[in-house]
Amino acid sequence: MRGNKRNMDKFDRKILDSLQRDSAVSRGALAEQVGLSESQVARRRQALEQSGVIRRYRADLDGRSLGFAVTAFVHVKL
């Protein structure tokens, strides 16, 4: 189902906004933030994953806690 355009409503956008802030949010907390039931949130989240809108979940690591003093982003064009 990837590659198909998905029509998103305000609830889908709220789900995405919440997940971008905290991808490890519980289903219950997400449902409360969005204003839907847990089962509705689960169905919508699964649909967003299956359609490719949500590709993966990531951990946001703190470089300083890991002992890194400098973070550098380098763009190289060949």
Protein backbone atom coordinates (compact mmCIF):
# COMPACT_ATOMS: atom_id res chain seq x y z
CA MET A 1 0.00 0.00 0.00
CA ARG A 2 3.06 2.25 0.09
CA GLY A 3 3.11 5.03 -2.44
CA ASN A 4 -0.62 5.65 -2.34
CA LYS A 5 -1.63 9.14 -1.33
CA ARG A 6 -3.53 9.14 1.95
CA ASN A 7 -6.16 11.74 2.76
CA MET A 8 -5.49 12.91 6.29
CA ASP A 9 -7.91 14.67 8.58
CA LYS A 10 -7.27 16.72 11.72
CA PHE A 11 -7.03 13.60 13.88
CA ASP A 12 -4.35 12.06 11.67
CA ARG A 13 -2.39 15.32 11.84
CA LYS A 14 -2.75 15.41 15.64
CA ILE A 15 -1.49 11.82 15.86
CA LEU A 16 1.53 12.69 13.70
CA ASP A 17 2.25 15.83 15.72
CA SER A 18 2.15 13.90 19.00
CA LEU A 19 4.32 11.09 17.64
CA GLN A 20 6.90 13.57 16.36
CA ARG A 21 7.17 15.04 19.85
CA ASP A 22 7.34 11.61 21.55
CA SER A 23 7.34 8.47 19.41
CA ALA A 24 7.22 6.28 22.53
CA VAL A 25 3.94 7.77 23.77
CA SER A 26 1.50 5.15 25.05
CA ARG A 27 -1.69 4.38 23.17
CA GLY A 28 -3.75 5.74 26.07
CA ALA A 29 -1.82 9.00 26.30
CA LEU A 30 -1.96 9.42 22.53
CA ALA A 31 -5.72 8.84 22.53
CA GLU A 32 -6.14 11.46 25.25
CA GLN A 33 -3.98 14.00 23.40
CA VAL A 34 -5.85 13.46 20.13
CA GLY A 35 -9.36 13.16 21.53
CA LEU A 36 -10.19 9.69 20.20
CA SER A 37 -10.56 6.24 21.74
CA GLU A 38 -7.53 3.98 22.04
CA SER A 39 -8.91 1.62 19.39
CA GLN A 40 -9.48 4.49 16.94
CA VAL A 41 -5.95 5.76 17.52
CA ALA A 42 -4.54 2.26 17.02
CA ARG A 43 -6.39 1.83 13.71
CA ARG A 44 -5.34 5.24 12.43
CA ARG A 45 -1.72 4.74 13.51
CA GLN A 46 -1.61 1.36 11.77
CA ALA A 47 -3.08 2.89 8.60
CA LEU A 48 -0.47 5.67 8.70
CA GLU A 49 2.26 3.04 9.05
CA GLN A 50 0.90 0.80 6.28
CA SER A 51 0.49 3.71 3.87
CA GLY A 52 4.10 4.74 4.42
CA VAL A 53 3.34 8.07 6.08
CA ILE A 54 5.05 6.76 9.22
CA ARG A 55 8.19 5.00 8.02
CA ARG A 56 9.92 4.21 11.32
CA TYR A 57 10.38 5.24 14.93
CA ARG A 58 13.68 6.59 16.20
CA ALA A 59 15.42 7.27 19.48
CA ASP A 60 16.58 10.85 20.08
CA LEU A 61 19.97 10.38 21.73
CA ASP A 62 21.73 12.97 23.87
CA GLY A 63 25.27 13.23 22.53
CA ARG A 64 26.60 14.89 25.66
CA SER A 65 25.38 12.01 27.82
CA LEU A 66 27.26 9.70 25.47
CA GLY A 67 30.45 11.73 25.85
CA PHE A 68 30.35 13.61 22.53
CA ALA A 69 31.36 17.26 22.87
CA VAL A 70 30.63 18.37 19.30
CA THR A 71 27.90 17.56 16.83
CA ALA A 72 28.60 18.34 13.19
CA PHE A 73 26.37 18.10 10.16
CA VAL A 74 28.29 18.03 6.90
CA HIS A 75 26.79 18.34 3.44
CA VAL A 76 29.01 17.12 0.61
CA LYS A 77 28.04 17.39 -3.04
CA LEU A 78 30.11 15.50 -5.57
